[in-house]
Amino acid sequence: KKEMLEVEEKHDALFDKRLSQEEVWIRQGIKARRTRNEGRVRALEAMRREYADRRKRQGTAKMDIQQAEKSGKIVAEAREINFAFDDGKTVVKSFSTLIQRGDKVGLIGRNGVGITTLLKLLLGELEPQGGKVKTGTNLNIAYFDQYRSALDETKSVQDNVSGGRDMLEISGKSRHVISYLQDFLFSPDRCRQPVSALSGGERNRLLLAKLFTKPSNILVLDEPTNDLDIDTLDLLEELLIDYKGTILLVSHDRAFLNNVVTSTLVFEGEGIINQYVGGYDDWLRQRDATVKTSTKTPEKQPKP
């Protein structure tokens, strides 16, 4: 299979070189329109169609999330927890919530407000300074880090996913690492390059590829949509909607939150975190309704 992939890669490279040469030739102008060159023009049009078909085949990501056994019914329960930074800035103030298996929770707040800290508190990675957090049982957590700290810049794309192995176990089936990475739009040549050579979008796709090699029942996604193309974004959205486990999703993508989450935790300022039913737009409607109610001018009482 590896030899077949290498042969296919060489064929595609030669084809692309020939197509490039023909494109230069066609741009020379009137000579290309002479009768004796009509066959060459038709051949070029056929090459263009073949190239477009190949790009179409390679241009749509095919991701799949491996799901582990169910977690316990309660994933995390926080009771009146508090946390502040060393400089005295309050991050979480008297916050309580109950996250159960299958919940899809969005976290909304500006950068630096303490969202990552709250995630660590809920997952038991950080102790609250006040109150109590109870984490559930049988938690298999897959973590998507917006800073991509899980990627080794010095290793190749395929080694970051496979750890140097040729084969991966994906959903109970054995797959070659290059074949698997092609589902995430990486060509065989790109698979062998170091992570340091990748663009932002490619790094995000690679991190998703690495994330989905392991079964999980909790997905923690910190800004997963950055730099993703539309097709990949749509597929990721569908996968998260169908995911049977629990999702904690941090995103500034309003539409993505609306389509995926069932509730939101919103950082309102000064450590106050409120929970709302629904996505981003649902939060705005509930917030605006609360503001209107609290600012409504009281009716004048009739004089006695």
Protein backbone atom coordinates (compact mmCIF):
# COMPACT_ATOMS: atom_id res chain seq x y z
CA LYS A 1 0.00 0.00 0.00
CA LYS A 2 2.89 2.32 0.81
CA GLU A 3 4.44 1.63 -2.62
CA MET A 4 1.09 2.31 -4.32
CA LEU A 5 0.80 5.64 -2.52
CA GLU A 6 4.34 6.59 -3.57
CA VAL A 7 3.66 5.65 -7.21
CA GLU A 8 0.44 7.67 -7.15
CA GLU A 9 2.29 10.64 -5.65
CA LYS A 10 4.98 10.52 -8.39
CA HIS A 11 2.30 10.22 -11.10
CA ASP A 12 0.45 13.24 -9.74
CA ALA A 13 3.68 15.27 -9.56
CA LEU A 14 4.56 14.48 -13.22
CA PHE A 15 0.99 15.22 -14.28
CA ASP A 16 1.01 18.57 -12.49
CA LYS A 17 4.36 19.47 -14.10
CA ARG A 18 3.04 18.63 -17.58
CA LEU A 19 -0.16 20.58 -16.92
CA SER A 20 1.89 23.59 -15.83
CA GLN A 21 3.93 23.43 -19.03
CA GLU A 22 0.79 23.22 -21.16
CA GLU A 23 -0.75 26.17 -19.33
CA VAL A 24 2.35 28.23 -20.17
CA TRP A 25 2.05 27.14 -23.81
CA ILE A 26 -1.65 28.07 -24.10
CA ARG A 27 -0.91 31.56 -22.82
CA GLN A 28 1.42 32.20 -25.74
CA GLY A 29 -1.66 33.28 -27.65
CA ILE A 30 -2.57 32.99 -31.27
CA LYS A 31 -0.24 30.06 -32.07
CA ALA A 32 -2.37 27.82 -29.88
CA ARG A 33 -5.44 28.53 -32.04
CA ARG A 34 -3.94 27.22 -35.27
CA THR A 35 -5.58 24.11 -36.69
CA ARG A 36 -2.54 21.90 -36.20
CA ASN A 37 -2.65 22.64 -32.46
CA GLU A 38 -6.38 21.99 -31.88
CA GLY A 39 -5.64 18.48 -30.61
CA ARG A 40 -3.19 19.87 -28.09
CA VAL A 41 -5.79 22.35 -26.87
CA ARG A 42 -8.36 19.56 -26.44
CA ALA A 43 -5.79 17.50 -24.56
CA LEU A 44 -5.14 20.44 -22.24
CA GLU A 45 -8.87 20.81 -21.55
CA ALA A 46 -9.01 17.11 -20.67
CA MET A 47 -6.02 17.53 -18.32
CA ARG A 48 -7.77 20.44 -16.62
CA ARG A 49 -10.86 18.28 -16.04
CA GLU A 50 -8.75 15.42 -14.66
CA TYR A 51 -6.92 17.82 -12.34
CA ALA A 52 -10.21 19.33 -11.14
CA ASP A 53 -11.63 15.85 -10.45
CA ARG A 54 -8.53 14.87 -8.47
CA ARG A 55 -8.68 18.07 -6.42
CA LYS A 56 -12.36 17.45 -5.76
CA ARG A 57 -11.60 13.92 -4.51
CA GLN A 58 -8.83 15.20 -2.24
CA GLY A 59 -10.55 18.41 -1.23
CA THR A 60 -13.17 17.20 1.25
CA ALA A 61 -12.18 16.10 4.72
CA LYS A 62 -13.53 12.78 6.00
CA MET A 63 -13.25 12.91 9.78
CA ASP A 64 -14.70 10.50 12.29
CA ILE A 65 -14.69 10.65 16.10
CA GLN A 66 -13.93 7.45 18.02
CA GLN A 67 -16.24 7.20 20.98
CA ALA A 68 -15.28 5.42 24.19
CA GLU A 69 -17.61 3.69 26.63
CA LYS A 70 -20.10 5.94 28.38
CA SER A 71 -18.94 8.05 31.27
CA GLY A 72 -20.89 8.21 34.51
CA LYS A 73 -24.16 10.15 34.40
CA ILE A 74 -22.57 13.11 36.22
CA VAL A 75 -19.50 14.50 34.42
CA ALA A 76 -18.82 17.46 36.71
CA GLU A 77 -20.65 19.16 39.56
CA ALA A 78 -19.44 22.49 40.95
CA ARG A 79 -20.82 23.95 44.16
CA GLU A 80 -20.14 27.59 45.04
CA ILE A 81 -16.57 27.48 43.75
CA ASN A 82 -14.18 30.42 43.85
CA PHE A 83 -10.83 31.07 42.21
CA ALA A 84 -8.59 34.13 41.85
CA PHE A 85 -5.22 34.76 40.20
CA ASP A 86 -2.13 35.59 42.25
CA ASP A 87 -2.61 39.28 41.44
CA GLY A 88 -5.97 39.20 43.19
CA LYS A 89 -8.12 39.22 40.04
CA THR A 90 -11.25 37.13 40.61
CA VAL A 91 -11.82 34.55 37.88
CA VAL A 92 -14.67 32.50 39.34
CA LYS A 93 -17.00 33.76 42.07
CA SER A 94 -19.58 31.57 43.82
CA PHE A 95 -20.20 29.50 40.70
CA SER A 96 -22.32 26.35 40.65
CA THR A 97 -23.24 24.06 37.78
CA LEU A 98 -24.08 20.45 36.96
CA ILE A 99 -22.76 18.94 33.71
CA GLN A 100 -24.22 15.56 32.81
CA ARG A 101 -23.37 12.93 30.22
CA GLY A 102 -24.36 14.08 26.72
CA ASP A 103 -24.44 17.80 27.54
CA LYS A 104 -22.93 20.10 24.93
CA VAL A 105 -21.82 23.24 26.75
CA GLY A 106 -20.46 26.39 25.11
CA LEU A 107 -18.18 28.79 27.02
CA ILE A 108 -18.37 32.46 26.07
CA GLY A 109 -16.07 35.22 27.20
CA ARG A 110 -13.37 37.55 25.97
CA ASN A 111 -9.74 36.42 25.78
CA GLY A 112 -7.96 36.29 29.13
CA VAL A 113 -11.13 36.21 31.21
CA GLY A 114 -10.35 32.78 32.66
CA ILE A 115 -12.13 30.23 30.46
CA THR A 116 -9.19 27.81 30.46
CA THR A 117 -9.01 28.09 34.26
CA LEU A 118 -12.70 27.18 34.57
CA LEU A 119 -12.20 24.16 32.30
CA LYS A 120 -9.34 22.94 34.51
CA LEU A 121 -11.48 23.41 37.60
CA LEU A 122 -14.39 21.45 36.14
CA LEU A 123 -12.14 18.60 34.95
CA GLY A 124 -10.35 18.29 38.28
CA GLU A 125 -7.00 19.52 36.96
CA LEU A 126 -7.09 22.52 39.32
CA GLU A 127 -8.35 22.80 42.90
CA PRO A 128 -10.84 25.60 43.64
CA GLN A 129 -9.87 28.04 46.39
CA GLY A 130 -13.36 27.81 47.76
CA GLY A 131 -16.30 25.50 47.26
CA LYS A 132 -16.12 21.98 45.82
CA VAL A 133 -15.96 20.24 42.44
CA LYS A 134 -17.00 16.63 42.02
CA THR A 135 -15.89 14.90 38.80
CA GLY A 136 -17.59 11.85 37.37
CA THR A 137 -16.37 8.33 36.72
CA ASN A 138 -14.92 6.66 33.60
CA LEU A 139 -13.93 9.95 31.95
CA ASN A 140 -11.94 9.63 28.70
CA ILE A 141 -11.06 13.21 27.77
CA ALA A 142 -9.80 14.39 24.38
CA TYR A 143 -8.46 17.96 24.54
CA PHE A 144 -8.14 20.32 21.57
CA ASP A 145 -5.77 23.13 22.59
CA GLN A 146 -5.95 26.39 20.62
CA TYR A 147 -2.22 26.85 21.24
CA ARG A 148 -1.54 23.42 19.68
CA SER A 149 0.85 22.46 22.48
CA ALA A 150 0.17 18.77 21.73
CA LEU A 151 2.10 19.07 18.43
CA ASP A 152 5.86 18.51 18.25
CA GLU A 153 7.27 21.09 15.83
CA THR A 154 10.39 19.02 15.09
CA LYS A 155 8.55 15.83 14.12
CA SER A 156 6.83 15.07 10.85
CA VAL A 157 3.07 15.30 10.37
CA GLN A 158 2.66 11.52 10.35
CA ASP A 159 4.92 10.94 13.37
CA ASN A 160 2.88 13.45 15.39
CA VAL A 161 -0.19 11.29 14.82
CA SER A 162 1.30 7.78 14.85
CA GLY A 163 4.31 8.11 17.15
CA GLY A 164 6.56 6.60 14.47
CA ARG A 165 4.28 3.65 13.63
CA ASP A 166 2.98 2.95 10.12
CA MET A 167 -0.42 1.62 11.18
CA LEU A 168 -3.17 3.05 13.40
CA GLU A 169 -6.15 1.44 15.09
CA ILE A 170 -9.17 3.55 14.06
CA SER A 171 -12.68 2.50 15.15
CA GLY A 172 -11.53 -1.10 15.52
CA LYS A 173 -9.86 -1.22 12.09
CA SER A 174 -6.19 -1.04 11.12
CA ARG A 175 -5.31 1.90 8.83
CA HIS A 176 -2.07 3.20 7.36
CA VAL A 177 -1.22 6.57 8.88
CA ILE A 178 -0.86 8.27 5.46
CA SER A 179 -4.23 6.96 4.34
CA TYR A 180 -5.77 8.23 7.57
CA LEU A 181 -4.17 11.67 7.18
CA GLN A 182 -5.49 11.95 3.63
CA ASP A 183 -8.95 12.03 5.21
CA PHE A 184 -7.78 15.30 6.77
CA LEU A 185 -6.55 16.67 3.41
CA PHE A 186 -2.83 15.91 3.86
CA SER A 187 -1.06 14.66 0.73
CA PRO A 188 1.56 11.89 1.14
CA ASP A 189 4.31 14.46 0.59
CA ARG A 190 2.84 16.80 3.21
CA CYS A 191 2.65 13.90 5.70
CA ARG A 192 6.44 13.61 5.66
CA GLN A 193 7.12 17.29 6.29
CA PRO A 194 7.76 18.74 9.78
CA VAL A 195 4.95 20.46 11.65
CA SER A 196 6.97 23.70 11.57
CA ALA A 197 6.24 23.93 7.83
CA LEU A 198 2.45 23.84 8.25
CA SER A 199 0.02 26.74 8.00
CA GLY A 200 -2.42 27.58 10.79
CA GLY A 201 -5.28 25.74 9.12
CA GLU A 202 -3.13 22.66 8.50
CA ARG A 203 -2.05 22.60 12.16
CA ASN A 204 -5.67 22.68 13.26
CA ARG A 205 -6.51 19.81 10.94
CA LEU A 206 -3.50 17.86 12.20
CA LEU A 207 -4.52 18.42 15.81
CA LEU A 208 -8.03 17.15 15.00
CA ALA A 209 -6.49 14.12 13.27
CA LYS A 210 -4.39 13.38 16.35
CA LEU A 211 -7.35 14.00 18.67
CA PHE A 212 -9.61 11.57 16.83
CA THR A 213 -7.15 8.66 16.94
CA LYS A 214 -8.12 8.07 20.57
CA PRO A 215 -11.55 7.02 21.86
CA SER A 216 -13.22 9.62 24.08
CA ASN A 217 -16.45 10.33 25.87
CA ILE A 218 -15.61 13.98 26.64
CA LEU A 219 -14.38 16.45 24.06
CA VAL A 220 -12.83 19.70 25.27
CA LEU A 221 -12.48 21.99 22.25
CA ASP A 222 -10.69 25.32 22.66
CA GLU A 223 -11.23 27.41 19.50
CA PRO A 224 -11.30 24.42 17.09
CA THR A 225 -12.69 26.41 14.14
CA ASN A 226 -9.76 28.80 13.64
CA ASP A 227 -8.43 28.75 10.04
CA LEU A 228 -10.56 25.77 8.97
CA ASP A 229 -11.99 25.74 5.45
CA ILE A 230 -15.78 25.73 5.06
CA ASP A 231 -16.10 22.03 4.12
CA THR A 232 -14.02 20.89 7.08
CA LEU A 233 -15.92 23.25 9.38
CA ASP A 234 -19.27 21.87 8.24
CA LEU A 235 -18.11 18.27 8.70
CA LEU A 236 -16.75 18.99 12.18
CA GLU A 237 -20.06 20.60 13.10
CA GLU A 238 -21.99 17.51 11.96
CA LEU A 239 -19.67 15.20 13.90
CA LEU A 240 -20.10 17.19 17.11
CA ILE A 241 -23.88 17.27 16.75
CA ASP A 242 -23.92 13.46 16.40
CA TYR A 243 -21.35 12.89 19.17
CA LYS A 244 -22.90 10.86 22.01
CA GLY A 245 -20.47 12.03 24.69
CA THR A 246 -20.10 15.35 26.49
CA ILE A 247 -18.69 18.47 24.82
CA LEU A 248 -17.13 21.58 26.39
CA LEU A 249 -16.70 24.05 23.53
CA VAL A 250 -14.86 27.37 23.63
CA SER A 251 -15.45 29.42 20.48
CA HIS A 252 -15.96 32.93 19.18
CA ASP A 253 -17.81 31.48 16.18
CA ARG A 254 -21.39 32.51 16.82
CA ALA A 255 -23.00 30.23 14.21
CA PHE A 256 -20.93 27.23 15.31
CA LEU A 257 -22.06 27.65 18.92
CA ASN A 258 -25.69 28.08 17.85
CA ASN A 259 -25.62 24.82 15.89
CA VAL A 260 -23.70 22.63 18.35
CA VAL A 261 -24.30 23.52 22.00
CA THR A 262 -27.35 22.96 24.18
CA SER A 263 -26.36 25.46 26.89
CA THR A 264 -23.80 28.21 27.48
CA LEU A 265 -21.64 29.36 30.37
CA VAL A 266 -21.07 33.11 29.99
CA PHE A 267 -18.41 35.16 31.77
CA GLU A 268 -20.30 38.31 32.69
CA GLY A 269 -17.37 40.08 34.40
CA GLU A 270 -15.81 40.25 37.89
CA GLY A 271 -15.89 36.46 38.23
CA ILE A 272 -19.64 36.17 37.62
CA ILE A 273 -20.51 33.21 35.37
CA ASN A 274 -24.12 32.58 34.38
CA GLN A 275 -25.60 29.58 32.61
CA TYR A 276 -28.18 29.92 29.81
CA VAL A 277 -30.20 27.41 27.80
CA GLY A 278 -29.29 27.22 24.11
CA GLY A 279 -26.54 28.78 22.02
CA TYR A 280 -25.08 32.24 21.45
CA ASP A 281 -28.24 33.89 20.11
CA ASP A 282 -30.33 32.30 22.86
CA TRP A 283 -27.99 33.85 25.42
CA LEU A 284 -28.37 37.29 23.80
CA ARG A 285 -32.17 37.03 23.87
CA GLN A 286 -32.25 35.94 27.51
CA ARG A 287 -29.73 38.62 28.49
CA ASP A 288 -31.66 41.35 26.71
CA ALA A 289 -34.93 40.22 28.30
CA THR A 290 -33.30 40.38 31.74
CA VAL A 291 -31.94 43.86 31.08
CA LYS A 292 -35.32 45.13 29.86
CA THR A 293 -37.06 43.72 32.93
CA SER A 294 -34.56 45.24 35.36
CA THR A 295 -34.58 48.69 33.69
CA LYS A 296 -38.32 48.95 33.13
CA THR A 297 -39.73 52.13 34.66
CA PRO A 298 -42.19 51.28 37.43
CA GLU A 299 -45.75 52.42 36.88
CA LYS A 300 -46.84 55.51 38.78
CA GLN A 301 -49.10 54.75 41.69
CA PRO A 302 -52.42 56.65 41.71
CA LYS A 303 -52.64 59.41 44.24
CA PRO A 304 -54.82 58.63 47.26
